Structures are given as structure tokens and as C-alpha cells.
Amino acid sequence: MSVITLNELKQQIDAGAPLTLVEVLAPHAYRAAHLPGAINLPLLGLRRMAEAMLPDKQATIIVYCHNARCGSSAKAARVLGELGYANVREFRDGKQAWIAAGYPVEGEAVPAALAALSVEQRSR
């Protein structure tokens, strides 16, 4: 499994590189805010839903969760590798780093997600 950095991911998205972004957090976290164009494949249902949601095992798949302390993206990358997906990368810094960099997100609670991030950053 390889890791993709924030800058690399942003460059690939901006360049229109063919990739599938997969948020592995619970559906409520995905609905609140997610990277543009990402699909939601929660870690708990990943084995069961992967083939239907990710039919091309040669596609570039980028998995992410909340932040570097969240281990779900690493687990998801490992599971996808076990299922035969050949080009899986982990965006280890996750959604939190994406938002902190000021990059766009989609979702129902985008302003709330940004506000929560601001509060968390101030408490450090």
C-alpha cells in the first residue's frame, strides 16, 4: 500500500486524473462533509460492498478517513488489497487536512464541519 500526500492528491484532482475517492467513515460523517466526488464505503461494510461499488480492480482508488490518527483508511487499503485491488493509495492525512488547507468539500453540513475544525485547531 502506498500513501498519497495532500499536495499530490490535490494535483491529481486538479489535473483530472482518473481516480476514485473513497471515504471509509460512517455515512453520517460522509453526508456532513466529504471530498468532492468521493463515494462512501464505510469500513464496516467494505468487504461486502466493494465489488459492487468498485468494479474495476485496476482503477486508482484513494481511501481516506478523518485524519492521520484515524486508522480506518489504512485498514481499508489493506482490505482492498486483499480483495485484489491493484492500485490503492491511502490519503493518510484525511478529510481534516483537506479542509484545513482550504480545499473544497461537499456535504450537508459543510459550514458546521469547517467551524468544528476551527475550534479543534484553536484548542491545540
C-alpha atoms as a PDB file:
ATOM      1  CA  MET A   1       0.000   0.000   0.000  1.00  0.00           C
ATOM      2  CA  SER A   2       1.285   3.450  -0.813  1.00  0.00           C
ATOM      3  CA  VAL A   3       0.435   6.781   0.720  1.00  0.00           C
ATOM      4  CA  ILE A   4      -0.575   9.883  -1.210  1.00  0.00           C
ATOM      5  CA  THR A   5       0.111  13.311   0.256  1.00  0.00           C
ATOM      6  CA  LEU A   6      -2.274  16.232   0.385  1.00  0.00           C
ATOM      7  CA  ASN A   7      -0.353  18.071  -2.346  1.00  0.00           C
ATOM      8  CA  GLU A   8      -0.175  15.027  -4.612  1.00  0.00           C
ATOM      9  CA  LEU A   9      -3.892  14.375  -4.231  1.00  0.00           C
ATOM     10  CA  LYS A  10      -4.808  17.991  -4.941  1.00  0.00           C
ATOM     11  CA  GLN A  11      -2.588  17.994  -8.054  1.00  0.00           C
ATOM     12  CA  GLN A  12      -4.130  14.775  -9.348  1.00  0.00           C
ATOM     13  CA  ILE A  13      -7.670  16.036  -8.797  1.00  0.00           C
ATOM     14  CA  ASP A  14      -6.876  19.388 -10.443  1.00  0.00           C
ATOM     15  CA  ALA A  15      -5.316  17.563 -13.415  1.00  0.00           C
ATOM     16  CA  GLY A  16      -8.430  15.419 -13.831  1.00  0.00           C
ATOM     17  CA  ALA A  17      -6.523  12.193 -13.229  1.00  0.00           C
ATOM     18  CA  PRO A  18      -8.769   9.133 -13.324  1.00  0.00           C
ATOM     19  CA  LEU A  19      -9.215   8.139  -9.702  1.00  0.00           C
ATOM     20  CA  THR A  20     -11.919   7.103  -7.288  1.00  0.00           C
ATOM     21  CA  LEU A  21     -12.005   8.808  -3.893  1.00  0.00           C
ATOM     22  CA  VAL A  22     -13.431   6.596  -1.151  1.00  0.00           C
ATOM     23  CA  GLU A  23     -14.347   7.920   2.281  1.00  0.00           C
ATOM     24  CA  VAL A  24     -14.402   4.999   4.699  1.00  0.00           C
ATOM     25  CA  LEU A  25     -16.117   6.800   7.581  1.00  0.00           C
ATOM     26  CA  ALA A  26     -19.710   6.180   8.670  1.00  0.00           C
ATOM     27  CA  PRO A  27     -22.486   7.512   6.415  1.00  0.00           C
ATOM     28  CA  HIS A  28     -23.361  10.402   8.744  1.00  0.00           C
ATOM     29  CA  ALA A  29     -19.758  11.682   8.612  1.00  0.00           C
ATOM     30  CA  TYR A  30     -19.740  11.375   4.821  1.00  0.00           C
ATOM     31  CA  ARG A  31     -23.066  13.206   4.489  1.00  0.00           C
ATOM     32  CA  ALA A  32     -21.794  16.041   6.693  1.00  0.00           C
ATOM     33  CA  ALA A  33     -18.718  16.747   4.546  1.00  0.00           C
ATOM     34  CA  HIS A  34     -16.591  14.811   2.085  1.00  0.00           C
ATOM     35  CA  LEU A  35     -14.012  15.467  -0.609  1.00  0.00           C
ATOM     36  CA  PRO A  36     -15.567  16.449  -3.946  1.00  0.00           C
ATOM     37  CA  GLY A  37     -16.752  13.444  -5.915  1.00  0.00           C
ATOM     38  CA  ALA A  38     -15.942  10.949  -3.170  1.00  0.00           C
ATOM     39  CA  ILE A  39     -18.081   7.880  -2.641  1.00  0.00           C
ATOM     40  CA  ASN A  40     -18.863   6.421   0.762  1.00  0.00           C
ATOM     41  CA  LEU A  41     -17.788   2.873   1.530  1.00  0.00           C
ATOM     42  CA  PRO A  42     -17.769   2.542   5.313  1.00  0.00           C
ATOM     43  CA  LEU A  43     -15.051   0.294   6.668  1.00  0.00           C
ATOM     44  CA  LEU A  44     -17.596  -1.976   8.358  1.00  0.00           C
ATOM     45  CA  GLY A  45     -19.278  -2.832   5.036  1.00  0.00           C
ATOM     46  CA  LEU A  46     -16.240  -2.633   2.805  1.00  0.00           C
ATOM     47  CA  ARG A  47     -15.764  -6.352   2.093  1.00  0.00           C
ATOM     48  CA  ARG A  48     -19.445  -6.783   1.329  1.00  0.00           C
ATOM     49  CA  MET A  49     -19.887  -3.703  -0.876  1.00  0.00           C
ATOM     50  CA  ALA A  50     -16.504  -3.264  -2.580  1.00  0.00           C
ATOM     51  CA  GLU A  51     -17.155  -5.292  -5.714  1.00  0.00           C
ATOM     52  CA  ALA A  52     -20.451  -3.528  -6.466  1.00  0.00           C
ATOM     53  CA  MET A  53     -19.123  -0.042  -5.730  1.00  0.00           C
ATOM     54  CA  LEU A  54     -15.622  -0.544  -7.186  1.00  0.00           C
ATOM     55  CA  PRO A  55     -15.973  -2.888 -10.166  1.00  0.00           C
ATOM     56  CA  ASP A  56     -12.590  -2.065 -11.776  1.00  0.00           C
ATOM     57  CA  LYS A  57      -9.845  -3.722  -9.752  1.00  0.00           C
ATOM     58  CA  GLN A  58      -7.173  -1.912 -11.816  1.00  0.00           C
ATOM     59  CA  ALA A  59      -8.539   1.601 -11.158  1.00  0.00           C
ATOM     60  CA  THR A  60      -6.702   4.093  -8.976  1.00  0.00           C
ATOM     61  CA  ILE A  61      -8.500   4.175  -5.644  1.00  0.00           C
ATOM     62  CA  ILE A  62      -7.702   6.707  -2.931  1.00  0.00           C
ATOM     63  CA  VAL A  63      -9.072   5.860   0.522  1.00  0.00           C
ATOM     64  CA  TYR A  64      -9.300   8.354   3.361  1.00  0.00           C
ATOM     65  CA  CYS A  65     -10.858   8.860   6.757  1.00  0.00           C
ATOM     66  CA  HIS A  66     -10.839  11.762   9.220  1.00  0.00           C
ATOM     67  CA  ASN A  67      -7.143  12.377   9.927  1.00  0.00           C
ATOM     68  CA  ALA A  68      -3.747  10.740  10.443  1.00  0.00           C
ATOM     69  CA  ARG A  69      -4.784   9.408  13.870  1.00  0.00           C
ATOM     70  CA  CYS A  70      -7.735   7.561  12.343  1.00  0.00           C
ATOM     71  CA  GLY A  71      -6.617   4.104  11.279  1.00  0.00           C
ATOM     72  CA  SER A  72      -9.635   3.318   9.118  1.00  0.00           C
ATOM     73  CA  SER A  73      -8.056   4.354   5.822  1.00  0.00           C
ATOM     74  CA  ALA A  74      -5.048   2.078   6.383  1.00  0.00           C
ATOM     75  CA  LYS A  75      -7.358  -0.824   7.251  1.00  0.00           C
ATOM     76  CA  ALA A  76      -9.492  -0.124   4.177  1.00  0.00           C
ATOM     77  CA  ALA A  77      -6.447  -0.027   1.897  1.00  0.00           C
ATOM     78  CA  ARG A  78      -5.298  -3.350   3.323  1.00  0.00           C
ATOM     79  CA  VAL A  79      -8.742  -4.938   2.824  1.00  0.00           C
ATOM     80  CA  LEU A  80      -8.986  -3.690  -0.754  1.00  0.00           C
ATOM     81  CA  GLY A  81      -5.533  -5.095  -1.466  1.00  0.00           C
ATOM     82  CA  GLU A  82      -6.643  -8.464  -0.073  1.00  0.00           C
ATOM     83  CA  LEU A  83      -9.681  -8.314  -2.374  1.00  0.00           C
ATOM     84  CA  GLY A  84      -7.428  -7.919  -5.402  1.00  0.00           C
ATOM     85  CA  TYR A  85      -7.469  -4.167  -5.999  1.00  0.00           C
ATOM     86  CA  ALA A  86      -4.120  -3.373  -7.570  1.00  0.00           C
ATOM     87  CA  ASN A  87      -3.792   0.419  -7.275  1.00  0.00           C
ATOM     88  CA  VAL A  88      -4.953   1.525  -3.821  1.00  0.00           C
ATOM     89  CA  ARG A  89      -3.406   4.516  -2.095  1.00  0.00           C
ATOM     90  CA  GLU A  90      -4.082   5.896   1.339  1.00  0.00           C
ATOM     91  CA  PHE A  91      -4.625   9.612   1.899  1.00  0.00           C
ATOM     92  CA  ARG A  92      -3.465   9.303   5.483  1.00  0.00           C
ATOM     93  CA  ASP A  93      -3.954  12.968   6.479  1.00  0.00           C
ATOM     94  CA  GLY A  94      -7.625  12.669   5.589  1.00  0.00           C
ATOM     95  CA  LYS A  95     -10.556  14.989   5.423  1.00  0.00           C
ATOM     96  CA  GLN A  96      -9.325  17.169   8.256  1.00  0.00           C
ATOM     97  CA  ALA A  97      -6.115  18.129   6.426  1.00  0.00           C
ATOM     98  CA  TRP A  98      -8.060  18.743   3.203  1.00  0.00           C
ATOM     99  CA  ILE A  99     -10.419  21.154   4.975  1.00  0.00           C
ATOM    100  CA  ALA A 100      -7.578  22.815   6.901  1.00  0.00           C
ATOM    101  CA  ALA A 101      -5.833  23.528   3.582  1.00  0.00           C
ATOM    102  CA  GLY A 102      -8.943  25.410   2.465  1.00  0.00           C
ATOM    103  CA  TYR A 103      -9.846  22.953  -0.289  1.00  0.00           C
ATOM    104  CA  PRO A 104     -13.493  22.481  -1.232  1.00  0.00           C
ATOM    105  CA  VAL A 105     -15.758  19.887   0.332  1.00  0.00           C
ATOM    106  CA  GLU A 106     -19.281  18.730  -0.401  1.00  0.00           C
ATOM    107  CA  GLY A 107     -21.998  17.756   2.045  1.00  0.00           C
ATOM    108  CA  GLU A 108     -24.963  18.786   4.130  1.00  0.00           C
ATOM    109  CA  ALA A 109     -23.040  20.367   6.992  1.00  0.00           C
ATOM    110  CA  VAL A 110     -20.063  21.947   5.277  1.00  0.00           C
ATOM    111  CA  PRO A 111     -20.200  25.222   7.295  1.00  0.00           C
ATOM    112  CA  ALA A 112     -20.537  23.227  10.541  1.00  0.00           C
ATOM    113  CA  ALA A 113     -17.640  20.969   9.578  1.00  0.00           C
ATOM    114  CA  LEU A 114     -15.458  23.990   8.913  1.00  0.00           C
ATOM    115  CA  ALA A 115     -16.495  25.576  12.209  1.00  0.00           C
ATOM    116  CA  ALA A 116     -15.728  22.377  14.121  1.00  0.00           C
ATOM    117  CA  LEU A 117     -12.324  22.197  12.505  1.00  0.00           C
ATOM    118  CA  SER A 118     -11.620  25.806  13.504  1.00  0.00           C
ATOM    119  CA  VAL A 119     -12.487  25.055  17.111  1.00  0.00           C
ATOM    120  CA  GLU A 120     -10.264  21.957  17.104  1.00  0.00           C
ATOM    121  CA  GLN A 121      -7.350  23.905  15.615  1.00  0.00           C
ATOM    122  CA  ARG A 122      -7.703  26.661  18.231  1.00  0.00           C
ATOM    123  CA  SER A 123      -7.576  24.102  21.051  1.00  0.00           C
ATOM    124  CA  ARG A 124      -4.130  22.800  20.002  1.00  0.00           C
END
